[in-house]
Structure formats: structure tokens, C-alpha cells
């Protein structure tokens, strides 16, 4: 009897062991299947996450600096010298309301330049040239000149900002001194004056190349096509960061193409054709996310109407042919133009000024930079400076300078 019970117990134990082993295998298979499902889920979630990421994280064009043997302070120095000469050959529009508006848009763009291309040494400022051409140019270190014709031709603040963003990109990427580095047999100043940095090249670049520098300018323009494309791309990226639609810059080139009769010559010319630039900017724009999109205020329409109330502006070619020289900050008016009008209180916002690494101060951001000579610079609010008997005069402002002494001290 005990033998039978033992056998029965052994049989039950064997059956239980078989059931346990089968159950274990089923559970193991379930775990494996579950693991495979989890793996597939993780893969799909990863794919979805990648495609859901903002496109600019991995798709926008990467831009780097070119080789440059000059320092950022060299950009500032040569830019100031070129600006002083340019303002004697170009009729600067002395309209505080227009200038302040362009300055505000410019400051917004400057603050949106990607951090890797920010230069605390640079001093950006913006002036309007009384010329009818759709053009603008910037000089190393920050001086920028916007043609009245460009503002009048733009259909929105975004289109105007697009051209300005392109020009700021030339400055931020230090294209002027990078291009001078490529042609070391020419002097730094000759190279910078020759290229001008104009958005379309042509007369604006030539007017800065007077005084025997035109041949140098032609040499430098051989390298400009790559730089122009880089400035278009970085300009589009800066616009998106500033809240402007990068396609507005592309649209401005479409306007240029229409007004030039569809010409441009593509990459056989000194600059890419407007049609090619339109396509390239739109290509970049699809990878960019506009941050805090700006809405055009009534300011743009008001400024356009104000400009159209002035007499017709001459073309840059006509300005060159006249050979007229303009007193600094005189906007082409009579020699006597003393300070007049309301003088604004200093802004509570400041910008940094750095003189050759020796002097660093902060000045109100509503004060204009006015070059006095190669060793001195004034900062003064609108209405507080002018010309009397050929001399610059000021009622409000501050002057900084660096003087080379005869001794070692």
C-alpha cells in the first residue's frame, strides 16, 4: 500500500514538475514577446521623437569663419576709417525719425545674431543714404548704410530687415578682413575700401573704392560669391531668431530680379543672381523656426510715407558723377548746419564701446557714433551735433580718444 502511495505521489510530483516547466516556458516566451514589443515601441517612439524635434536642431546650414590674420579690433579700426570717407561721398539723410526707426530694427537683428558670431568689440550703427538704388552696405566693425530706395521698395518691415540681416552677417562673419587675408599683397584698408560689402555690388562698392583702389576692389570681388551665399544663409538664420520670416529676404531678391529685368548672370557674375539667392534662402527657411514672430507695426508704413514726401533721391551713379563731397553728418546740406531741435534724454539701455582693447565704456544706445578723426570718436544724441564754419560742433555728448605718446609711458 505504501509502495502504491509512493508511486502515486511520485507520479503527481512528475506531473507537477512538467506543468511547472511548461508554465515557466510559456512565461518565458511571454516575457520575450513583451520585450520584443517594448523594443519595437522604443524604436518607434525614438523615430517619432526625432521627427517631432524642431528641424533647426539638425538641419540648418552650419557656417564657420574663414581664415583671418586680422583681429576684431582691426575690423573696428578699418571700418571707422572707411565710414569716415564714405560719409563724405554719400548724402546721409539726416532725419531723426527715419534714422531711429532703422536703428531699432538694426538693434533687434544685432541681438539675434547667433552667439558664436557675436563680437563685443564691434559697434553697430545704422544710417540712411539719400540714394534711390535698392541697396545697402556694411563695413567691418559695424557701420551700416541703408539706401532710402531700399526702404521705399520693400513691401514690409520684414523685407527691409532681411537686407539688413544680410549686411550684418557680412560684418559678423568678418568677411572684409577674411577677404583681405586672401590677398595679402594688398594693404588692409585698400582691400576693405574696395569690396564695400554692398548687397548687390555695383556703384556702392565703387564709391568706396575711389582714390586708386578700384583695381583692388575688382581683385577682391573674385572671392565674393561664397561670402554672399554665407551672408544670405546667416541672414536668414538671424531673421528667424529675431522674429522675422526668412522668406522676406528671399522676396526682396525677387523684387530686385523684377526691377533688373531678370538679369544677374548667376555664378558667372561677381554675386549670385537674385533668382539663385531666392531659391537658396527659401531652401534654408524651411529648416528654421521663427521665434516670437514679429508683426509689422504702423511704423514701417509711416516711415515709407515720410520718405516719399521728400524730393526724388538721386541714384548712386549720379552721386558718383557729381563728385560732391559732404561734410560729416551734414546729410548733403549747407556747410552751416548747427545743432538744433529737441535733444532726447539718454536711454536707460547701454551698448559697449571698446577702443583698441585699451578703453571700455558703456554709452546710451540712443546716442550716435560720430567719428572725429582716426584717434577720437564722439557719441551724441540726435539734434545735439552739427556743422558750423566747417567744424563739427556739439551741445551734448561725450568724446573718447587714444593718443600715442612720444615716450614709452
Protein backbone atom coordinates (compact mmCIF):
# COMPACT_ATOMS: atom_id res chain seq x y z
CA UNK A 1 0.00 0.00 0.00
CA UNK A 2 2.76 2.37 0.91
CA UNK A 3 4.55 1.44 -2.31
CA UNK A 4 1.45 2.37 -4.33
CA UNK A 5 1.03 5.66 -2.45
CA UNK A 6 4.66 6.46 -3.01
CA UNK A 7 4.32 5.72 -6.71
CA UNK A 8 1.22 7.88 -6.94
CA UNK A 9 2.97 10.71 -5.12
CA UNK A 10 5.96 10.38 -7.44
CA UNK A 11 3.65 10.47 -10.47
CA UNK A 12 1.87 13.57 -9.15
CA UNK A 13 5.21 15.20 -8.48
CA UNK A 14 6.35 14.42 -12.01
CA UNK A 15 3.15 15.86 -13.48
CA UNK A 16 3.50 18.96 -11.31
CA UNK A 17 7.09 19.35 -12.45
CA UNK A 18 6.01 19.05 -16.08
CA UNK A 19 3.26 21.61 -15.60
CA UNK A 20 5.65 23.95 -13.81
CA UNK A 21 8.23 23.57 -16.57
CA UNK A 22 5.61 24.18 -19.30
CA UNK A 23 4.26 27.14 -17.38
CA UNK A 24 7.78 28.51 -16.97
CA UNK A 25 8.39 28.14 -20.72
CA UNK A 26 5.13 29.90 -21.52
CA UNK A 27 6.00 32.70 -19.13
CA UNK A 28 9.50 32.93 -20.60
CA UNK A 29 8.02 33.16 -24.10
CA UNK A 30 5.58 35.84 -22.92
CA UNK A 31 8.44 37.81 -21.40
CA UNK A 32 10.46 37.53 -24.64
CA UNK A 33 7.47 38.66 -26.69
CA UNK A 34 6.84 41.51 -24.30
CA UNK A 35 10.48 42.52 -24.52
CA UNK A 36 10.36 42.46 -28.31
CA UNK A 37 7.21 44.60 -28.25
CA UNK A 38 8.88 47.01 -25.85
CA UNK A 39 11.91 47.23 -28.12
CA UNK A 40 9.69 47.96 -31.13
CA UNK A 41 7.81 50.57 -29.11
CA UNK A 42 11.05 52.26 -28.04
CA UNK A 43 12.26 52.33 -31.65
CA UNK A 44 9.00 53.86 -32.88
CA UNK A 45 8.95 56.39 -30.06
CA UNK A 46 12.54 57.34 -30.90
CA UNK A 47 11.66 57.80 -34.57
CA UNK A 48 8.61 59.87 -33.67
CA UNK A 49 10.65 61.98 -31.24
CA UNK A 50 13.31 62.68 -33.87
CA UNK A 51 10.75 63.81 -36.43
CA UNK A 52 8.90 65.84 -33.81
CA UNK A 53 12.05 67.77 -32.87
CA UNK A 54 12.39 71.34 -34.19
CA UNK A 55 14.03 70.98 -37.60
CA UNK A 56 16.74 73.63 -36.96
CA UNK A 57 18.30 71.34 -34.34
CA UNK A 58 19.87 69.18 -37.04
CA UNK A 59 19.05 70.60 -40.46
CA UNK A 60 20.06 74.26 -40.72
CA UNK A 61 23.29 75.06 -42.53
CA UNK A 62 26.42 75.19 -40.41
CA UNK A 63 28.59 78.22 -41.11
CA UNK A 64 32.16 78.72 -39.91
CA UNK A 65 34.68 81.56 -40.02
CA UNK A 66 37.23 81.81 -42.79
CA UNK A 67 40.95 82.11 -42.12
CA UNK A 68 41.69 85.63 -40.89
CA UNK A 69 45.06 87.02 -39.82
CA UNK A 70 43.49 90.24 -38.52
CA UNK A 71 41.97 90.85 -35.11
CA UNK A 72 38.43 92.04 -34.40
CA UNK A 73 39.96 95.36 -33.36
CA UNK A 74 41.43 95.66 -36.86
CA UNK A 75 37.88 95.34 -38.21
CA UNK A 76 36.77 98.19 -35.96
CA UNK A 77 39.67 100.43 -36.93
CA UNK A 78 39.43 99.97 -40.68
CA UNK A 79 35.62 100.17 -40.59
CA UNK A 80 35.76 103.52 -38.85
CA UNK A 81 38.24 104.87 -41.38
CA UNK A 82 36.13 103.65 -44.29
CA UNK A 83 32.95 105.06 -42.73
CA UNK A 84 34.54 108.48 -42.32
CA UNK A 85 35.44 108.52 -46.02
CA UNK A 86 32.09 107.09 -47.14
CA UNK A 87 30.13 109.78 -45.30
CA UNK A 88 32.00 112.47 -47.20
CA UNK A 89 30.99 110.89 -50.51
CA UNK A 90 27.42 109.84 -49.72
CA UNK A 91 24.49 112.12 -48.83
CA UNK A 92 23.40 110.87 -45.41
CA UNK A 93 19.72 111.54 -44.77
CA UNK A 94 19.58 113.50 -41.55
CA UNK A 95 16.08 112.65 -40.41
CA UNK A 96 15.94 111.64 -36.74
CA UNK A 97 12.62 109.81 -37.06
CA UNK A 98 13.75 107.67 -40.01
CA UNK A 99 17.18 107.01 -38.51
CA UNK A 100 15.76 106.00 -35.12
CA UNK A 101 13.35 103.57 -36.78
CA UNK A 102 16.09 101.90 -38.85
CA UNK A 103 18.30 101.82 -35.75
CA UNK A 104 15.59 99.99 -33.75
CA UNK A 105 15.22 97.31 -36.42
CA UNK A 106 19.00 97.03 -36.65
CA UNK A 107 19.41 96.59 -32.90
CA UNK A 108 16.81 93.84 -32.88
CA UNK A 109 18.75 91.99 -35.56
CA UNK A 110 22.13 92.54 -33.89
CA UNK A 111 20.88 90.98 -30.65
CA UNK A 112 19.68 87.96 -32.66
CA UNK A 113 22.98 87.15 -34.35
CA UNK A 114 23.95 83.63 -33.16
CA UNK A 115 26.24 83.77 -30.09
CA UNK A 116 29.22 82.25 -31.92
CA UNK A 117 29.25 85.27 -34.25
CA UNK A 118 28.81 87.99 -31.63
CA UNK A 119 31.73 90.39 -31.19
CA UNK A 120 31.66 92.70 -28.12
CA UNK A 121 34.34 94.86 -29.77
CA UNK A 122 32.07 95.77 -32.68
CA UNK A 123 29.98 98.95 -32.61
CA UNK A 124 26.98 98.59 -34.87
CA UNK A 125 25.20 101.72 -36.01
CA UNK A 126 22.82 102.47 -38.86
CA UNK A 127 22.41 105.43 -41.21
CA UNK A 128 20.18 106.09 -44.20
CA UNK A 129 21.68 107.23 -47.51
CA UNK A 130 19.60 109.54 -49.70
CA UNK A 131 20.01 107.34 -52.79
CA UNK A 132 17.27 105.72 -54.86
CA UNK A 133 19.02 102.38 -55.54
CA UNK A 134 17.69 99.26 -53.80
CA UNK A 135 20.86 98.62 -51.88
CA UNK A 136 22.68 98.69 -48.56
CA UNK A 137 26.23 98.04 -47.42
CA UNK A 138 28.05 97.40 -44.18
CA UNK A 139 31.65 97.97 -43.16
CA UNK A 140 33.87 95.91 -40.84
CA UNK A 141 33.25 96.51 -37.17
CA UNK A 142 29.61 97.60 -37.53
CA UNK A 143 28.87 100.77 -39.58
CA UNK A 144 25.91 100.13 -41.86
CA UNK A 145 24.28 102.28 -44.55
CA UNK A 146 20.78 101.64 -45.87
CA UNK A 147 19.67 103.31 -49.10
CA UNK A 148 16.42 105.22 -48.99
CA UNK A 149 15.44 103.41 -52.22
CA UNK A 150 15.64 100.05 -50.47
CA UNK A 151 13.25 101.14 -47.71
CA UNK A 152 10.81 102.56 -50.26
CA UNK A 153 10.90 99.40 -52.41
CA UNK A 154 10.35 96.95 -49.52
CA UNK A 155 6.79 95.72 -49.08
CA UNK A 156 7.13 95.11 -45.35
CA UNK A 157 9.41 95.68 -42.40
CA UNK A 158 10.48 92.05 -42.79
CA UNK A 159 11.81 92.65 -46.30
CA UNK A 160 13.78 95.68 -45.14
CA UNK A 161 15.05 93.70 -42.14
CA UNK A 162 16.12 90.90 -44.48
CA UNK A 163 18.52 93.11 -46.41
CA UNK A 164 19.86 94.49 -43.13
CA UNK A 165 20.32 90.97 -41.73
CA UNK A 166 22.32 90.03 -44.82
CA UNK A 167 24.62 93.01 -44.35
CA UNK A 168 25.03 92.37 -40.62
CA UNK A 169 26.06 88.82 -41.48
CA UNK A 170 28.97 90.12 -43.58
CA UNK A 171 30.14 92.05 -40.52
CA UNK A 172 29.56 89.22 -38.01
CA UNK A 173 31.42 86.71 -40.22
CA UNK A 174 34.26 89.23 -40.63
CA UNK A 175 34.19 88.81 -44.40
CA UNK A 176 36.04 92.07 -45.03
CA UNK A 177 39.27 91.17 -43.22
CA UNK A 178 38.94 87.50 -44.21
CA UNK A 179 38.93 88.57 -47.83
CA UNK A 180 41.86 90.91 -47.19
CA UNK A 181 43.74 87.95 -45.71
CA UNK A 182 43.38 86.10 -49.01
CA UNK A 183 45.12 88.91 -50.88
CA UNK A 184 47.98 89.78 -48.57
CA UNK A 185 49.92 91.70 -51.20
CA UNK A 186 47.33 94.49 -50.86
CA UNK A 187 47.02 96.70 -47.82
CA UNK A 188 44.20 96.03 -45.38
CA UNK A 189 42.50 99.38 -45.89
CA UNK A 190 42.72 99.15 -49.68
CA UNK A 191 41.02 95.78 -49.65
CA UNK A 192 38.21 96.86 -47.37
CA UNK A 193 37.50 100.05 -49.29
CA UNK A 194 37.48 98.06 -52.49
CA UNK A 195 34.87 95.49 -51.55
CA UNK A 196 32.36 97.76 -49.80
CA UNK A 197 30.14 94.85 -48.76
CA UNK A 198 27.15 96.04 -50.80
CA UNK A 199 24.28 93.62 -51.06
CA UNK A 200 24.34 93.85 -54.86
CA UNK A 201 27.82 95.19 -55.51
CA UNK A 202 27.91 97.81 -58.27
CA UNK A 203 28.14 101.55 -57.70
CA UNK A 204 28.00 101.48 -53.90
CA UNK A 205 31.11 99.32 -53.82
CA UNK A 206 32.79 101.56 -56.36
CA UNK A 207 32.10 104.76 -54.49
CA UNK A 208 34.09 103.37 -51.57
CA UNK A 209 36.86 102.38 -53.93
CA UNK A 210 37.79 105.84 -55.18
CA UNK A 211 41.31 107.15 -54.79
CA UNK A 212 43.11 104.47 -56.78
CA UNK A 213 41.51 101.48 -55.09
CA UNK A 214 39.17 100.31 -57.85
CA UNK A 215 41.62 97.74 -59.21
CA UNK A 216 42.00 96.32 -55.72
CA UNK A 217 38.22 96.13 -55.41
CA UNK A 218 37.93 94.16 -58.65
CA UNK A 219 40.52 91.70 -57.40
CA UNK A 220 38.68 91.13 -54.12
CA UNK A 221 35.33 90.62 -55.83
CA UNK A 222 36.65 87.37 -57.29
CA UNK A 223 36.11 85.83 -53.86
CA UNK A 224 32.73 87.36 -53.08
CA UNK A 225 30.26 84.73 -54.31
CA UNK A 226 30.93 82.27 -51.47
CA UNK A 227 30.70 85.06 -48.93
CA UNK A 228 27.44 86.34 -50.40
CA UNK A 229 25.83 82.92 -50.05
CA UNK A 230 27.06 82.63 -46.46
CA UNK A 231 25.65 86.07 -45.66
CA UNK A 232 22.30 85.07 -47.18
CA UNK A 233 22.17 81.90 -45.06
CA UNK A 234 23.28 83.51 -41.79
CA UNK A 235 20.97 86.43 -42.54
CA UNK A 236 18.04 84.02 -42.84
CA UNK A 237 19.00 82.36 -39.55
CA UNK A 238 19.32 85.73 -37.80
CA UNK A 239 15.94 86.83 -39.12
CA UNK A 240 14.24 83.73 -37.71
CA UNK A 241 15.84 84.35 -34.31
CA UNK A 242 14.67 87.98 -34.44
CA UNK A 243 11.07 87.01 -35.21
CA UNK A 244 11.07 87.76 -38.94
CA UNK A 245 10.12 85.30 -41.67
CA UNK A 246 13.36 84.46 -43.57
CA UNK A 247 11.33 84.23 -46.76
CA UNK A 248 11.01 88.02 -46.64
CA UNK A 249 14.71 88.23 -47.54
CA UNK A 250 14.09 85.89 -50.48
CA UNK A 251 11.12 88.01 -51.55
CA UNK A 252 13.33 91.09 -51.59
CA UNK A 253 15.60 89.40 -54.12
CA UNK A 254 12.55 88.58 -56.21
CA UNK A 255 11.77 92.32 -56.23
CA UNK A 256 15.36 93.04 -57.24
CA UNK A 257 15.16 90.48 -60.03
CA UNK A 258 11.95 92.02 -61.38
CA UNK A 259 13.36 95.53 -61.33
CA UNK A 260 16.60 94.44 -63.03
CA UNK A 261 14.74 92.69 -65.85
CA UNK A 262 15.67 89.16 -64.75
CA UNK A 263 19.40 89.65 -65.27
CA UNK A 264 22.18 88.81 -62.89
CA UNK A 265 24.37 86.29 -64.61
CA UNK A 266 24.21 83.55 -61.97
CA UNK A 267 27.57 82.34 -60.70
CA UNK A 268 29.33 83.81 -63.72
CA UNK A 269 28.96 87.24 -62.09
CA UNK A 270 30.59 88.74 -59.01
CA UNK A 271 27.45 87.98 -56.98
CA UNK A 272 24.96 85.10 -57.25
CA UNK A 273 21.92 86.10 -59.30
CA UNK A 274 18.79 87.24 -57.45
CA UNK A 275 16.95 84.13 -58.73
CA UNK A 276 19.60 81.79 -57.30
CA UNK A 277 19.61 83.63 -54.00
CA UNK A 278 15.82 83.50 -53.82
CA UNK A 279 15.91 79.70 -54.16
CA UNK A 280 18.77 79.21 -51.67
CA UNK A 281 17.18 81.37 -48.95
CA UNK A 282 13.83 79.61 -49.31
CA UNK A 283 15.63 76.28 -49.03
CA UNK A 284 17.20 77.38 -45.74
CA UNK A 285 13.94 78.88 -44.48
CA UNK A 286 12.19 75.51 -44.45
CA UNK A 287 14.61 74.35 -41.75
CA UNK A 288 14.19 77.40 -39.50
CA UNK A 289 11.65 78.12 -36.78
CA UNK A 290 10.66 81.76 -36.37
CA UNK A 291 10.93 82.74 -32.70
CA UNK A 292 8.28 85.14 -31.32
CA UNK A 293 7.18 86.19 -34.79
CA UNK A 294 7.22 89.95 -35.27
CA UNK A 295 4.16 91.72 -36.57
CA UNK A 296 4.63 94.76 -38.74
CA UNK A 297 3.59 97.84 -36.87
CA UNK A 298 2.33 101.00 -38.48
CA UNK A 299 5.83 102.41 -38.09
CA UNK A 300 7.02 100.94 -41.39
CA UNK A 301 4.14 102.44 -43.39
CA UNK A 302 4.64 105.76 -41.64
CA UNK A 303 8.38 105.82 -42.41
CA UNK A 304 7.77 104.90 -46.06
CA UNK A 305 5.24 107.72 -46.39
CA UNK A 306 7.68 110.13 -44.76
CA UNK A 307 10.45 109.21 -47.20
CA UNK A 308 8.17 109.50 -50.22
CA UNK A 309 7.39 113.03 -49.12
CA UNK A 310 11.00 114.05 -49.82
CA UNK A 311 12.18 115.17 -53.27
CA UNK A 312 13.26 112.32 -55.53
CA UNK A 313 16.59 110.86 -54.47
CA UNK A 314 19.48 110.59 -56.97
CA UNK A 315 20.95 107.25 -57.99
CA UNK A 316 24.32 106.19 -56.65
CA UNK A 317 25.78 106.60 -60.14
CA UNK A 318 24.57 110.21 -60.24
CA UNK A 319 26.10 110.82 -56.80
CA UNK A 320 29.43 109.45 -58.05
CA UNK A 321 29.34 111.52 -61.22
CA UNK A 322 28.71 114.72 -59.28
CA UNK A 323 31.93 114.26 -57.35
CA UNK A 324 30.42 116.25 -54.49
CA UNK A 325 31.86 115.81 -51.02
CA UNK A 326 29.66 116.17 -47.96
CA UNK A 327 30.63 117.49 -44.54
CA UNK A 328 30.47 114.75 -41.95
CA UNK A 329 27.00 114.24 -40.50
CA UNK A 330 25.67 117.01 -42.72
CA UNK A 331 23.44 114.92 -44.97
CA UNK A 332 24.40 116.98 -48.00
CA UNK A 333 23.04 120.25 -46.68
CA UNK A 334 24.76 123.60 -46.47
CA UNK A 335 28.10 123.95 -44.74
CA UNK A 336 26.47 125.68 -41.77
CA UNK A 337 24.09 123.33 -40.02
CA UNK A 338 24.36 124.00 -36.28
CA UNK A 339 22.75 121.73 -33.67
CA UNK A 340 19.02 122.33 -33.39
CA UNK A 341 15.83 120.61 -32.38
CA UNK A 342 14.78 118.59 -29.36
CA UNK A 343 17.52 116.57 -27.70
CA UNK A 344 16.38 113.27 -26.21
CA UNK A 345 17.31 112.20 -22.71
CA UNK A 346 19.93 109.42 -22.62
CA UNK A 347 18.43 105.96 -22.91
CA UNK A 348 18.48 103.66 -19.88
CA UNK A 349 19.87 100.95 -22.17
CA UNK A 350 23.58 100.94 -22.99
CA UNK A 351 25.96 99.47 -25.52
CA UNK A 352 29.63 98.70 -25.01
CA UNK A 353 32.42 100.67 -26.65
CA UNK A 354 35.93 99.25 -26.81
CA UNK A 355 38.80 101.32 -28.19
CA UNK A 356 41.62 99.05 -29.41
CA UNK A 357 41.42 96.98 -26.24
CA UNK A 358 42.62 99.91 -24.12
CA UNK A 359 39.37 101.63 -23.18
CA UNK A 360 35.97 100.09 -22.46
CA UNK A 361 32.94 102.21 -21.59
CA UNK A 362 29.17 102.00 -21.93
CA UNK A 363 27.19 104.65 -23.79
CA UNK A 364 23.40 105.20 -24.13
CA UNK A 365 22.12 103.21 -27.10
CA UNK A 366 20.20 106.23 -28.48
CA UNK A 367 23.45 108.19 -28.95
CA UNK A 368 25.03 108.19 -32.41
CA UNK A 369 28.71 107.42 -33.01
CA UNK A 370 30.39 110.27 -34.89
CA UNK A 371 33.99 109.82 -35.98
CA UNK A 372 36.12 112.91 -35.30
CA UNK A 373 39.46 111.67 -36.59
CA UNK A 374 41.47 108.47 -36.52
CA UNK A 375 42.19 108.86 -32.79
CA UNK A 376 38.89 110.19 -31.47
CA UNK A 377 35.18 109.47 -31.54
CA UNK A 378 32.10 111.34 -30.29
CA UNK A 379 28.84 109.91 -29.02
CA UNK A 380 25.95 112.35 -29.11
CA UNK A 381 22.12 112.33 -29.33
CA UNK A 382 20.22 113.48 -32.42
CA UNK A 383 19.84 117.26 -32.51
CA UNK A 384 22.92 117.82 -30.35
CA UNK A 385 25.56 117.99 -33.10
CA UNK A 386 26.08 119.68 -36.44
CA UNK A 387 28.41 121.82 -38.56
CA UNK A 388 29.48 125.46 -38.24
CA UNK A 389 32.17 127.00 -40.45
CA UNK A 390 33.29 123.52 -41.46
CA UNK A 391 33.77 122.43 -37.86
CA UNK A 392 31.83 119.73 -36.02
CA UNK A 393 30.05 121.26 -33.03
CA UNK A 394 28.20 119.65 -30.14
CA UNK A 395 25.82 120.79 -27.41
CA UNK A 396 25.55 117.40 -25.70
CA UNK A 397 27.79 114.35 -25.91
CA UNK A 398 30.99 112.70 -24.84
CA UNK A 399 34.33 112.31 -26.59
CA UNK A 400 36.78 109.41 -26.27
CA UNK A 401 40.20 109.05 -27.78
CA UNK A 402 43.57 107.33 -27.65
CA UNK A 403 46.78 109.29 -28.17
CA UNK A 404 50.21 107.86 -28.97
CA UNK A 405 52.78 109.49 -26.72
CA UNK A 406 56.40 110.19 -27.66
CA UNK A 407 57.77 108.36 -24.64
CA UNK A 408 57.32 104.77 -23.50
CA UNK A 409 54.68 105.79 -20.95
